[in-house]
Amino acid sequence: MLDRTDTKALQREAFRRDVIAGLSKVGKTLPARWLYDDRGSELFEEITRAPEYYPTRTETAILTDNAQAIAGLFGERAVVLEYGAGAGIKTEIVLAALARPRLYVPIDISGDFLKTSAERIRTRFPGLAVEPVTADFTEDFELPGDLPKPGRGAGRRGGFFPGSTIGNLDRGEATAFLKRVGRHVGPDGVAVIGCDLKKDIATLVAAYDDAVGVTAAFNLNILRRINRELSADIPVDDFVHEARWNAESSAIEMHLVAKAPVQFAIDGREFRLDRGETIHTENSRKYDVDSLSALAEAAGWRIETLWTDERKLFAVMGLVVR
């Protein structure tokens, strides 16, 4: 088994490889998963408290109002696997409602942030076993080998994926992710997954470009991370955050726009951007009920229940394996 040092080295190499590949394209990109280092994770938690950012408070209300129904889907003695665990605030709502949960497995790419979150869950639920896994959940990874098997003192396995991160994945990535969750939970497994719904464009754009500028700081942080971890010399102040609506893909796009001609080096490679050229860092796709159902079915799931709010801003899917 890889120790923590090995895991960090592998992640840094993957980060370097993705950055070089993405910035070498004609249309420059950076994978959204690398936005979430420790500082990025902290900034995202600040974003969730911004007045414009409706998804977190709306989903939290949905989970609170439907906690008992969600607990019924998981069943007694559940093993809960949370993908992209983050701060785990919404997790507490679900764990508190479950009947004698057996084990909680938070999975996140940010190891130090994950450790802090896992400790808080242990303190909040002292009788619950917690086994964190540092991994990129958008790629294949192995679960710990000592996870209890369903039917051996534990109930079913359930995947938990709150937030709107499913929208950060394109159709192929989202399908692959849902199939991966299906393999992890097994044929009797379930999943509870948050998804942002289509709505007016002004509301969407404001949610990804708050007036205080926390989302801008979150987006720009990836450039600071590149400078810090890859010994680069990107002039961060020469970039500005921008949120755009892409009607064709039903997605909000986040970009870093060069305010002037920019030149910098990463790992001995030179990169240049013209004024107005962008680095595309994130997509956040928005769904309706039909597209959610089609996505679930393509990955081997069926929507058992769809919980939403009165204004139909956000939805939480309760999935069962088909």
Protein backbone atom coordinates (compact mmCIF):
# COMPACT_ATOMS: atom_id res chain seq x y z
CA MET A 1 0.00 0.00 0.00
CA LEU A 2 1.25 3.52 -0.87
CA ASP A 3 2.12 5.69 2.10
CA ARG A 4 1.07 9.31 2.32
CA THR A 5 4.36 10.58 0.87
CA ASP A 6 4.01 8.34 -2.18
CA THR A 7 0.40 9.43 -2.70
CA LYS A 8 1.36 13.11 -2.58
CA ALA A 9 4.19 12.54 -5.06
CA LEU A 10 1.88 10.76 -7.47
CA GLN A 11 -0.73 13.51 -7.17
CA ARG A 12 1.86 16.20 -7.80
CA GLU A 13 3.08 14.41 -10.92
CA ALA A 14 -0.51 14.04 -12.15
CA PHE A 15 -1.04 17.75 -11.46
CA ARG A 16 2.12 18.68 -13.40
CA ARG A 17 1.12 16.46 -16.32
CA ASP A 18 -2.43 17.87 -16.49
CA VAL A 19 -1.23 21.49 -16.25
CA ILE A 20 1.34 21.09 -19.04
CA ALA A 21 -1.13 19.26 -21.27
CA GLY A 22 -3.98 21.70 -20.67
CA LEU A 23 -1.94 24.86 -21.20
CA SER A 24 -0.36 23.41 -24.36
CA LYS A 25 -3.74 23.30 -26.12
CA VAL A 26 -4.91 25.94 -28.56
CA GLY A 27 -7.90 26.51 -26.28
CA LYS A 28 -6.16 26.40 -22.91
CA THR A 29 -7.77 24.44 -20.06
CA LEU A 30 -7.08 23.24 -16.53
CA PRO A 31 -9.04 20.34 -15.01
CA ALA A 32 -11.52 21.54 -12.38
CA ARG A 33 -10.44 18.91 -9.85
CA TRP A 34 -7.17 20.77 -9.31
CA LEU A 35 -9.05 23.82 -8.02
CA TYR A 36 -9.44 21.94 -4.73
CA ASP A 37 -6.15 22.08 -2.89
CA ASP A 38 -6.43 22.95 0.80
CA ARG A 39 -6.80 26.68 0.09
CA GLY A 40 -9.20 26.02 -2.77
CA SER A 41 -11.34 23.83 -0.52
CA GLU A 42 -11.43 26.57 2.12
CA LEU A 43 -12.44 29.16 -0.48
CA PHE A 44 -15.16 26.90 -1.83
CA GLU A 45 -16.64 26.64 1.66
CA GLU A 46 -16.73 30.45 1.70
CA ILE A 47 -18.49 30.42 -1.68
CA THR A 48 -21.25 28.22 -0.27
CA ARG A 49 -22.08 31.01 2.21
CA ALA A 50 -22.31 33.75 -0.44
CA PRO A 51 -25.84 35.19 -0.90
CA GLU A 52 -25.74 34.54 -4.65
CA TYR A 53 -24.75 30.89 -4.27
CA TYR A 54 -28.14 29.19 -3.85
CA PRO A 55 -27.11 25.50 -4.39
CA THR A 56 -25.72 24.80 -0.92
CA ARG A 57 -28.49 26.32 1.19
CA THR A 58 -31.16 24.90 -1.14
CA GLU A 59 -29.71 21.39 -1.07
CA THR A 60 -29.19 21.58 2.68
CA ALA A 61 -32.89 22.37 3.11
CA ILE A 62 -33.84 19.47 0.82
CA LEU A 63 -31.67 17.05 2.80
CA THR A 64 -33.04 18.32 6.11
CA ASP A 65 -36.67 18.10 4.99
CA ASN A 66 -36.21 14.60 3.56
CA ALA A 67 -33.64 13.14 5.97
CA GLN A 68 -35.87 10.28 7.13
CA ALA A 69 -36.76 9.26 3.58
CA ILE A 70 -33.08 9.32 2.64
CA ALA A 71 -32.27 7.22 5.72
CA GLY A 72 -34.90 4.75 4.58
CA LEU A 73 -33.18 4.44 1.22
CA PHE A 74 -29.83 3.68 2.87
CA GLY A 75 -31.37 1.31 5.44
CA GLU A 76 -29.93 0.15 8.77
CA ARG A 77 -26.22 -0.45 9.38
CA ALA A 78 -25.28 1.29 6.13
CA VAL A 79 -21.75 1.78 4.86
CA VAL A 80 -21.70 5.33 3.46
CA LEU A 81 -19.17 6.28 0.77
CA GLU A 82 -18.98 10.03 0.19
CA TYR A 83 -17.29 11.25 -2.99
CA GLY A 84 -15.66 14.68 -2.80
CA ALA A 85 -16.31 14.83 0.93
CA GLY A 86 -15.11 18.40 1.51
CA ALA A 87 -16.19 19.91 4.81
CA GLY A 88 -18.89 17.29 5.38
CA ILE A 89 -21.59 19.68 6.67
CA LYS A 90 -24.37 18.11 4.61
CA THR A 91 -23.01 14.69 5.53
CA GLU A 92 -23.89 15.33 9.17
CA ILE A 93 -27.56 15.76 8.24
CA VAL A 94 -27.64 12.34 6.58
CA LEU A 95 -25.51 10.51 9.14
CA ALA A 96 -27.62 11.87 12.01
CA ALA A 97 -30.76 10.44 10.37
CA LEU A 98 -29.35 6.97 9.62
CA ALA A 99 -30.21 3.96 11.76
CA ARG A 100 -26.97 2.67 13.34
CA PRO A 101 -24.64 3.38 10.39
CA ARG A 102 -21.70 0.97 10.32
CA LEU A 103 -18.99 2.96 8.56
CA TYR A 104 -18.38 6.32 6.87
CA VAL A 105 -15.78 6.51 4.08
CA PRO A 106 -15.08 10.10 2.95
CA ILE A 107 -13.17 10.32 -0.34
CA ASP A 108 -11.43 13.52 -1.44
CA ILE A 109 -8.39 14.63 -3.43
CA SER A 110 -7.31 17.15 -0.76
CA GLY A 111 -5.72 14.96 1.91
CA ASP A 112 -5.12 17.53 4.66
CA PHE A 113 -8.60 19.04 4.28
CA LEU A 114 -10.05 15.52 4.29
CA LYS A 115 -8.23 14.67 7.52
CA THR A 116 -9.74 17.70 9.26
CA SER A 117 -13.23 16.83 8.05
CA ALA A 118 -12.87 13.20 9.12
CA GLU A 119 -11.83 14.26 12.62
CA ARG A 120 -14.88 16.48 12.92
CA ILE A 121 -17.17 13.60 11.90
CA ARG A 122 -15.49 11.33 14.47
CA THR A 123 -16.12 13.95 17.16
CA ARG A 124 -19.72 14.50 16.06
CA PHE A 125 -20.48 10.76 15.82
CA PRO A 126 -18.21 9.02 18.35
CA GLY A 127 -19.70 5.57 17.76
CA LEU A 128 -19.20 5.67 14.00
CA ALA A 129 -16.13 4.19 12.31
CA VAL A 130 -14.55 6.66 9.85
CA GLU A 131 -12.04 5.57 7.22
CA PRO A 132 -10.96 8.43 4.91
CA VAL A 133 -9.53 7.77 1.45
CA THR A 134 -7.37 10.32 -0.37
CA ALA A 135 -8.14 9.81 -4.06
CA ASP A 136 -9.36 11.51 -7.21
CA PHE A 137 -12.90 10.15 -7.44
CA THR A 138 -13.13 11.11 -11.14
CA GLU A 139 -10.66 8.32 -11.90
CA ASP A 140 -10.63 4.65 -10.94
CA PHE A 141 -9.33 3.95 -7.44
CA GLU A 142 -9.45 1.13 -4.95
CA LEU A 143 -11.50 1.18 -1.78
CA PRO A 144 -9.88 -0.12 1.41
CA GLY A 145 -9.84 -3.90 1.42
CA ASP A 146 -11.21 -4.15 4.95
CA LEU A 147 -14.58 -2.55 4.19
CA PRO A 148 -17.38 -4.72 5.63
CA LYS A 149 -19.30 -6.69 3.05
CA PRO A 150 -23.07 -6.29 2.87
CA GLY A 151 -24.81 -8.98 4.89
CA ARG A 152 -21.88 -9.48 7.31
CA GLY A 153 -22.97 -7.27 10.17
CA ALA A 154 -23.46 -4.34 7.83
CA GLY A 155 -26.34 -3.15 5.71
CA ARG A 156 -26.12 -2.04 2.12
CA ARG A 157 -23.48 0.31 0.78
CA GLY A 158 -24.62 3.74 -0.27
CA GLY A 159 -22.86 6.39 -2.29
CA PHE A 160 -23.32 10.03 -1.27
CA PHE A 161 -22.39 12.84 -3.67
CA PRO A 162 -23.94 16.13 -2.52
CA GLY A 163 -23.43 19.49 -4.16
CA SER A 164 -23.58 20.08 -7.90
CA THR A 165 -20.22 18.48 -8.77
CA ILE A 166 -21.89 15.99 -11.12
CA GLY A 167 -22.34 19.05 -13.35
CA ASN A 168 -18.56 19.59 -13.51
CA LEU A 169 -18.25 16.36 -15.49
CA ASP A 170 -19.08 15.98 -19.16
CA ARG A 171 -21.54 13.28 -20.20
CA GLY A 172 -18.86 10.59 -20.61
CA GLU A 173 -17.16 11.47 -17.32
CA ALA A 174 -20.47 11.59 -15.43
CA THR A 175 -21.50 8.20 -16.83
CA ALA A 176 -18.12 6.70 -15.93
CA PHE A 177 -18.35 8.16 -12.42
CA LEU A 178 -21.84 6.75 -11.81
CA LYS A 179 -20.71 3.34 -13.08
CA ARG A 180 -17.75 3.51 -10.67
CA VAL A 181 -20.11 4.26 -7.77
CA GLY A 182 -22.21 1.29 -8.87
CA ARG A 183 -19.19 -1.00 -8.71
CA HIS A 184 -18.29 0.33 -5.28
CA VAL A 185 -21.74 -0.17 -3.76
CA GLY A 186 -22.58 -3.47 -5.49
CA PRO A 187 -25.85 -4.85 -6.88
CA ASP A 188 -27.88 -4.02 -3.75
CA GLY A 189 -26.39 -0.56 -3.41
CA VAL A 190 -27.97 2.88 -3.51
CA ALA A 191 -26.79 6.43 -4.10
CA VAL A 192 -27.92 9.93 -3.14
CA ILE A 193 -26.64 12.57 -5.56
CA GLY A 194 -27.19 16.32 -5.77
CA CYS A 195 -27.73 18.08 -9.10
CA ASP A 196 -28.34 21.68 -10.07
CA LEU A 197 -31.38 22.30 -12.27
CA LYS A 198 -31.82 24.56 -15.28
CA LYS A 199 -33.10 28.08 -14.47
CA ASP A 200 -32.80 31.71 -15.58
CA ILE A 201 -29.34 32.71 -16.76
CA ALA A 202 -28.98 35.75 -14.49
CA THR A 203 -29.38 33.60 -11.37
CA LEU A 204 -26.86 31.09 -12.70
CA VAL A 205 -24.18 33.61 -13.64
CA ALA A 206 -24.48 35.47 -10.32
CA ALA A 207 -23.97 32.20 -8.42
CA TYR A 208 -20.56 31.78 -10.08
CA ASP A 209 -19.47 35.42 -9.88
CA ASP A 210 -20.39 36.69 -6.41
CA ALA A 211 -20.15 40.39 -5.66
CA VAL A 212 -17.55 39.99 -2.89
CA GLY A 213 -15.19 38.11 -5.21
CA VAL A 214 -14.77 34.82 -3.35
CA THR A 215 -15.40 32.80 -6.53
CA ALA A 216 -12.81 34.90 -8.33
CA ALA A 217 -10.28 34.15 -5.58
CA PHE A 218 -11.19 30.46 -5.80
CA ASN A 219 -10.61 30.39 -9.56
CA LEU A 220 -7.37 32.40 -9.43
CA ASN A 221 -6.04 30.15 -6.66
CA ILE A 222 -5.23 27.44 -9.19
CA LEU A 223 -2.61 29.76 -10.73
CA ARG A 224 -1.10 30.35 -7.30
CA ARG A 225 -1.08 26.60 -6.76
CA ILE A 226 0.81 26.10 -10.03
CA ASN A 227 3.36 28.71 -8.97
CA ARG A 228 3.80 27.12 -5.56
CA GLU A 229 3.84 23.43 -6.44
CA LEU A 230 5.44 23.54 -9.88
CA SER A 231 7.88 26.43 -9.34
CA ALA A 232 6.18 28.48 -12.04
CA ASP A 233 6.19 32.27 -12.48
CA ILE A 234 2.64 33.00 -13.63
CA PRO A 235 1.75 36.70 -13.11
CA VAL A 236 -1.54 35.99 -11.33
CA ASP A 237 -2.52 39.67 -11.16
CA ASP A 238 -2.61 39.74 -14.97
CA PHE A 239 -5.66 37.43 -14.97
CA VAL A 240 -9.29 38.05 -14.08
CA HIS A 241 -12.12 35.61 -13.30
CA GLU A 242 -15.10 35.39 -15.65
CA ALA A 243 -18.30 33.28 -15.56
CA ARG A 244 -20.10 32.58 -18.86
CA TRP A 245 -23.27 30.76 -19.86
CA ASN A 246 -22.89 28.20 -22.68
CA ALA A 247 -26.39 27.52 -24.01
CA GLU A 248 -25.26 24.67 -26.27
CA SER A 249 -23.95 22.57 -23.36
CA SER A 250 -26.36 24.01 -20.74
CA ALA A 251 -23.38 24.93 -18.59
CA ILE A 252 -21.82 27.79 -16.70
CA GLU A 253 -18.17 28.05 -17.70
CA MET A 254 -15.44 29.54 -15.49
CA HIS A 255 -12.51 31.16 -17.25
CA LEU A 256 -9.34 33.00 -16.30
CA VAL A 257 -8.94 35.85 -18.79
CA ALA A 258 -5.59 37.48 -19.57
CA LYS A 259 -5.88 41.26 -19.10
CA ALA A 260 -2.70 41.82 -21.13
CA PRO A 261 -0.24 39.68 -23.12
CA VAL A 262 1.18 37.17 -20.65
CA GLN A 263 4.30 35.00 -20.70
CA PHE A 264 5.46 32.51 -18.06
CA ALA A 265 7.36 29.26 -17.59
CA ILE A 266 6.36 25.97 -15.98
CA ASP A 267 8.84 23.12 -15.61
CA GLY A 268 11.11 24.70 -18.21
CA ARG A 269 8.32 25.19 -20.75
CA GLU A 270 7.30 28.63 -22.00
CA PHE A 271 3.65 29.61 -22.33
CA ARG A 272 2.10 32.74 -23.83
CA LEU A 273 -1.41 34.16 -23.84
CA ASP A 274 -2.65 37.13 -25.83
CA ARG A 275 -4.79 39.82 -24.25
CA GLY A 276 -8.32 38.42 -23.91
CA GLU A 277 -7.22 34.79 -24.26
CA THR A 278 -8.61 32.51 -21.56
CA ILE A 279 -7.85 29.43 -19.52
CA HIS A 280 -11.04 27.40 -19.15
CA THR A 281 -11.10 25.95 -15.64
CA GLU A 282 -14.57 24.58 -14.96
CA ASN A 283 -17.93 23.64 -16.44
CA SER A 284 -21.06 23.38 -14.32
CA ARG A 285 -23.78 21.68 -16.34
CA LYS A 286 -27.42 22.12 -15.44
CA TYR A 287 -30.01 19.36 -15.81
CA ASP A 288 -33.72 18.80 -16.08
CA VAL A 289 -35.58 15.68 -14.94
CA ASP A 290 -35.45 13.96 -18.34
CA SER A 291 -31.70 14.47 -18.77
CA LEU A 292 -31.04 13.27 -15.21
CA SER A 293 -33.06 10.12 -15.80
CA ALA A 294 -31.25 9.42 -19.08
CA LEU A 295 -27.86 9.92 -17.39
CA ALA A 296 -28.73 7.57 -14.53
CA GLU A 297 -30.04 4.85 -16.83
CA ALA A 298 -26.98 5.04 -19.09
CA ALA A 299 -24.83 4.23 -16.04
CA GLY A 300 -26.95 1.33 -14.79
CA TRP A 301 -29.07 3.19 -12.23
CA ARG A 302 -32.73 4.09 -11.85
CA ILE A 303 -34.13 7.16 -10.09
CA GLU A 304 -36.15 5.79 -7.19
CA THR A 305 -36.98 9.23 -5.76
CA LEU A 306 -36.27 12.81 -6.80
CA TRP A 307 -36.37 15.33 -3.98
CA THR A 308 -36.47 19.02 -4.87
CA ASP A 309 -37.40 22.44 -3.47
CA GLU A 310 -40.57 24.42 -4.17
CA ARG A 311 -38.85 26.70 -6.69
CA LYS A 312 -37.25 23.74 -8.51
CA LEU A 313 -33.78 25.25 -8.18
CA PHE A 314 -32.03 22.05 -7.13
CA ALA A 315 -32.64 18.31 -6.96
CA VAL A 316 -31.35 15.36 -4.95
CA MET A 317 -31.62 11.98 -6.67
CA GLY A 318 -32.20 8.76 -4.78
CA LEU A 319 -30.79 6.05 -7.06
CA VAL A 320 -31.01 2.26 -6.98
CA VAL A 321 -29.00 -0.14 -9.14
CA ARG A 322 -31.07 -1.42 -12.05
